[in-house]
Protein backbone atom coordinates (compact mmCIF):
# COMPACT_ATOMS: atom_id res chain seq x y z
CA MET A 1 -2.53 22.12 8.29
CA ASP A 2 -0.87 23.16 4.42
CA PHE A 3 0.14 20.04 2.43
CA PHE A 4 3.24 21.04 1.79
CA ASP A 5 3.49 21.66 5.55
CA ALA A 6 2.23 18.05 6.43
CA VAL A 7 4.56 16.71 3.96
CA MET A 8 7.69 18.48 5.32
CA ARG A 9 6.27 17.28 8.77
CA ARG A 10 5.98 13.86 8.05
CA ARG A 11 9.08 11.90 9.39
CA SER A 12 9.92 8.15 10.31
CA ILE A 13 9.55 8.51 14.00
CA ARG A 14 11.84 5.74 16.20
CA ARG A 15 10.36 6.22 19.37
CA PHE A 16 7.23 8.15 20.90
CA THR A 17 5.64 9.32 24.22
CA ASP A 18 2.62 7.21 26.16
CA GLU A 19 0.21 9.93 25.27
CA ALA A 20 -2.77 8.04 23.81
CA VAL A 21 -3.48 8.89 19.82
CA PRO A 22 -7.15 9.15 19.34
CA ASP A 23 -8.94 6.33 17.16
CA ALA A 24 -10.43 9.14 15.24
CA VAL A 25 -7.31 10.24 13.95
CA VAL A 26 -6.41 6.57 12.17
CA ASP A 27 -10.07 6.41 11.30
CA LYS A 28 -9.84 9.42 8.95
CA ALA A 29 -6.39 8.80 7.87
CA LEU A 30 -7.59 5.19 6.85
CA ASP A 31 -10.50 7.28 5.02
CA ALA A 32 -7.47 8.91 3.02
CA ALA A 33 -5.61 5.94 2.22
CA VAL A 34 -8.48 3.96 0.73
CA TRP A 35 -8.92 7.17 -1.37
CA ALA A 36 -5.11 6.39 -2.97
CA PRO A 37 -4.33 6.07 -6.54
CA ASN A 38 -3.85 2.79 -7.45
CA SER A 39 -3.75 0.27 -10.63
CA SER A 40 -6.95 0.50 -12.72
CA ASN A 41 -8.95 1.20 -9.61
CA VAL A 42 -9.05 -2.64 -8.36
CA GLN A 43 -7.92 -1.58 -5.10
CA THR A 44 -6.08 -4.86 -4.13
CA TRP A 45 -5.28 -3.80 -0.50
CA ASN A 46 -6.22 -4.46 3.00
CA PHE A 47 -5.19 -2.23 6.00
CA TYR A 48 -4.98 -4.09 9.11
CA TRP A 49 -5.64 -2.39 12.14
CA VAL A 50 -4.07 -3.56 15.20
CA LYS A 51 -5.82 -2.84 18.44
CA ASP A 52 -5.56 -6.10 20.91
CA PRO A 53 -2.89 -5.03 23.14
CA GLY A 54 -1.80 -8.89 22.69
CA LYS A 55 -1.41 -8.99 19.50
CA MET A 56 0.23 -5.11 19.47
CA VAL A 57 3.25 -6.94 21.50
CA ASP A 58 3.18 -9.99 18.67
CA MET A 59 3.50 -7.28 15.95
CA ALA A 60 6.63 -5.47 17.92
CA THR A 61 8.12 -8.91 18.20
CA ALA A 62 7.50 -9.64 14.73
CA CYS A 63 8.89 -6.36 13.50
CA LEU A 64 12.23 -7.20 15.23
CA ASN A 65 11.24 -5.11 18.12
CA GLN A 66 12.23 -1.99 16.61
CA SER A 67 11.52 0.70 19.04
CA ALA A 68 8.85 2.37 16.89
CA ALA A 69 7.12 -0.81 16.87
CA ARG A 70 7.27 -1.34 20.94
CA THR A 71 6.36 2.20 21.62
CA ALA A 72 3.85 2.90 18.85
CA ARG A 73 0.38 3.70 20.02
CA HIS A 74 -1.53 2.09 16.73
CA LEU A 75 -0.01 -0.15 14.27
CA VAL A 76 -1.75 -0.44 10.70
CA ALA A 77 -0.06 -3.43 8.42
CA VAL A 78 -0.65 -2.58 4.55
CA THR A 79 -0.94 -5.39 2.51
CA ALA A 80 -1.20 -6.50 -1.21
CA ASN A 81 -2.94 -9.68 -3.16
CA PRO A 82 -3.33 -8.78 -6.63
CA GLY A 83 -5.94 -11.77 -6.62
CA LEU A 84 -8.52 -9.35 -5.10
CA TRP A 85 -9.14 -7.80 -8.30
CA GLN A 86 -12.26 -10.85 -8.17
CA ARG A 87 -13.44 -8.93 -4.95
CA SER A 88 -13.44 -5.53 -6.79
CA LEU A 89 -14.35 -6.61 -9.95
CA PRO A 90 -18.21 -7.01 -9.49
CA LEU A 91 -18.89 -3.39 -7.87
CA LEU A 92 -16.89 -1.77 -10.65
CA GLN A 93 -19.30 -3.23 -13.02
CA GLU A 94 -21.84 -1.98 -11.47
CA TRP A 95 -20.64 1.27 -10.62
CA THR A 96 -19.74 1.59 -14.61
CA HIS A 97 -23.29 0.45 -15.45
CA LYS A 98 -24.66 3.15 -12.58
CA ALA A 99 -22.36 5.73 -13.81
CA ASN A 100 -23.34 5.51 -17.63
CA ALA A 101 -19.95 4.71 -18.19
CA PRO A 102 -18.68 4.97 -21.79
CA ARG A 103 -18.79 2.19 -23.71
CA PRO A 104 -14.60 1.31 -23.52
CA VAL A 105 -14.76 1.83 -20.03
CA ARG A 106 -17.55 -1.07 -19.44
CA VAL A 107 -15.40 -3.17 -21.85
CA TYR A 108 -12.24 -2.50 -19.68
CA TYR A 109 -13.78 -3.55 -16.70
CA GLU A 110 -16.11 -6.84 -18.43
CA LYS A 111 -13.32 -7.82 -20.63
CA LEU A 112 -9.52 -6.79 -19.95
CA ILE A 113 -9.46 -6.78 -16.40
CA PRO A 114 -10.20 -10.46 -15.98
CA VAL A 115 -7.19 -10.85 -18.84
CA THR A 116 -5.39 -9.00 -17.19
CA TYR A 117 -5.23 -10.18 -13.61
CA ARG A 118 -4.83 -13.94 -14.56
CA TRP A 119 -1.53 -15.42 -14.97
CA GLY A 120 -3.26 -19.02 -14.95
CA TRP A 121 -1.47 -22.55 -13.69
CA PHE A 122 1.97 -22.02 -13.29
CA ASN A 123 1.92 -18.69 -15.20
CA VAL A 124 0.69 -20.48 -18.13
CA MET A 125 -1.52 -17.48 -19.40
CA GLY A 126 1.54 -15.17 -18.08
CA LEU A 127 3.51 -16.43 -20.60
CA VAL A 128 0.58 -16.39 -23.60
CA LYS A 129 0.48 -12.69 -22.69
CA TRP A 130 4.29 -12.17 -22.25
CA ILE A 131 4.34 -13.68 -25.85
CA GLY A 132 1.40 -11.69 -27.37
CA PHE A 133 2.62 -8.00 -25.96
CA ASN A 134 6.32 -8.26 -27.01
CA LEU A 135 5.31 -9.88 -30.85
CA THR A 136 2.92 -6.57 -30.90
CA GLY A 137 5.92 -4.44 -29.77
CA LEU A 138 7.31 -5.14 -32.45
CA PHE A 139 5.26 -3.13 -35.06
CA ARG A 140 4.07 -0.52 -32.59
CA PRO A 141 3.98 0.77 -29.38
CA SER A 142 2.43 -1.80 -26.56
CA PRO A 143 2.09 -2.64 -22.81
CA ARG A 144 5.20 -5.73 -22.13
CA GLY A 145 2.98 -6.63 -18.95
CA PRO A 146 1.85 -7.31 -16.52
CA ASN A 147 2.11 -10.73 -17.22
CA PHE A 148 3.04 -13.38 -14.38
CA ARG A 149 2.31 -13.13 -11.18
CA ARG A 150 5.25 -11.59 -9.77
CA ASP A 151 4.31 -8.64 -12.11
CA LEU A 152 0.97 -8.65 -10.75
CA ASP A 153 2.27 -8.65 -7.45
CA GLU A 154 4.19 -5.89 -7.99
CA VAL A 155 1.59 -3.96 -9.31
CA ALA A 156 -0.60 -4.38 -5.91
CA MET A 157 2.39 -3.48 -3.79
CA LYS A 158 2.71 0.02 -5.63
CA SER A 159 -0.85 0.63 -4.95
CA ALA A 160 -0.42 -0.52 -1.60
CA ALA A 161 2.57 2.00 -1.25
CA LEU A 162 0.63 4.86 -2.47
CA ALA A 163 -2.33 3.89 0.09
CA ALA A 164 0.31 3.72 2.65
CA GLU A 165 1.37 7.39 1.70
CA ASN A 166 -1.52 8.46 1.83
CA PHE A 167 -2.27 7.32 5.51
CA VAL A 168 1.42 8.63 6.95
CA LEU A 169 0.43 12.28 5.55
CA ALA A 170 -3.14 12.29 6.97
CA ILE A 171 -1.57 11.36 10.23
CA ALA A 172 1.02 14.12 9.61
CA ALA A 173 -1.69 16.59 8.88
CA GLN A 174 -3.71 15.63 12.23
CA ASP A 175 -0.61 16.51 13.85
CA TYR A 176 0.59 13.23 14.71
CA ASP A 177 3.32 11.12 13.95
CA THR A 178 4.48 7.32 11.92
CA CYS A 179 6.85 5.13 10.73
CA MET A 180 6.88 3.22 7.80
CA MET A 181 8.41 -0.06 8.52
CA GLU A 182 9.74 -2.09 5.77
CA GLY A 183 11.98 -4.29 8.31
CA PHE A 184 9.93 -7.51 9.87
CA ASP A 185 9.36 -11.05 9.48
CA GLU A 186 6.45 -11.31 6.77
CA VAL A 187 5.73 -15.03 8.49
CA ARG A 188 5.39 -13.94 11.38
CA VAL A 189 2.96 -10.66 10.81
CA ARG A 190 0.67 -12.77 8.81
CA ARG A 191 0.11 -15.15 11.25
CA VAL A 192 -0.43 -12.37 14.25
CA LEU A 193 -3.07 -10.84 11.11
CA GLY A 194 -4.24 -14.40 10.49
CA ILE A 195 -3.97 -14.19 6.79
CA GLY A 196 -2.47 -16.39 4.08
CA CYS A 197 0.34 -16.16 2.23
CA ARG A 198 -0.81 -15.08 -1.00
CA GLU A 199 -1.41 -11.69 0.68
CA ARG A 200 1.78 -9.88 0.57
CA VAL A 201 2.69 -7.22 4.13
CA VAL A 202 4.09 -4.38 2.56
CA MET A 203 4.68 -2.64 5.42
CA VAL A 204 3.62 -1.97 8.73
CA ILE A 205 3.15 1.63 10.12
CA ALA A 206 3.66 2.79 13.77
CA VAL A 207 1.12 5.92 14.84
CA GLY A 208 2.02 7.57 17.89
CA LYS A 209 3.24 11.47 19.12
CA ALA A 210 6.83 11.81 18.73
CA ALA A 211 9.09 11.06 22.09
CA THR A 212 11.76 14.10 22.21
CA PRO A 213 14.18 13.20 20.43
CA GLY A 214 12.15 10.83 18.00
CA THR A 215 15.37 10.62 15.71
CA TRP A 216 18.85 10.88 16.04
CA GLY A 217 19.00 13.89 14.08
CA PRO A 218 17.74 16.15 11.37
CA PRO A 219 16.04 15.00 8.13
CA PHE A 220 18.33 14.82 4.94
CA ARG A 221 17.78 13.98 1.74
CA ILE A 222 20.45 13.96 -0.99
CA PRO A 223 20.76 17.21 -3.60
CA ARG A 224 17.84 18.07 -5.83
CA ASP A 225 19.76 17.85 -8.83
CA MET A 226 21.08 14.44 -8.55
CA VAL A 227 17.53 13.03 -8.67
CA VAL A 228 15.58 15.44 -10.56
CA HIS A 229 16.20 15.47 -14.45
CA VAL A 230 14.08 17.50 -17.10
CA VAL A 231 14.22 15.69 -20.35
């Protein structure tokens, strides 16, 4: 399927049929998800593919019993945790050395990433970074963050959202359907998945084959000229 066809095909389907979705379809979409662009390539995301029937029921309950969650053939939770930079860093450093990366790239992963992704006890390091960035910004262009834990949470969640977009487009390209759900009880979702509070649940994605009707009406966007600005 053409990329632009997949973009237009994708819709937030609220009700799915009983048709099975082969595991290979989800596997292929997860392959696409992990190739999404992400901040500094530190890949601070996780993907939880819920297949156990009992957990599917519990997840649907945690997703406020939305019809998309109840009728999905698969559920995939996309999570973000900036602390996972420590999982990725040794592999990234090994990669830069094996690939004979330029020295600035090696320095970036050996020196700058550990500073960027640490916030310290009670955000003390974040405060130091905030002061340093803003003082530098008085004299020349300077990044103004990320500094604090909440900033790094935001960075990780943006990266996870990009991965989620790759995932749903890959599902659409294989002629199946999804619903990206933000309506859920995050505490209960984490409990079903068996994960801790440091891992933020960015969204839960329902996968299936759209029922007829799968939505209540035709797609809609506000006029393009209201949101696209040439400066």
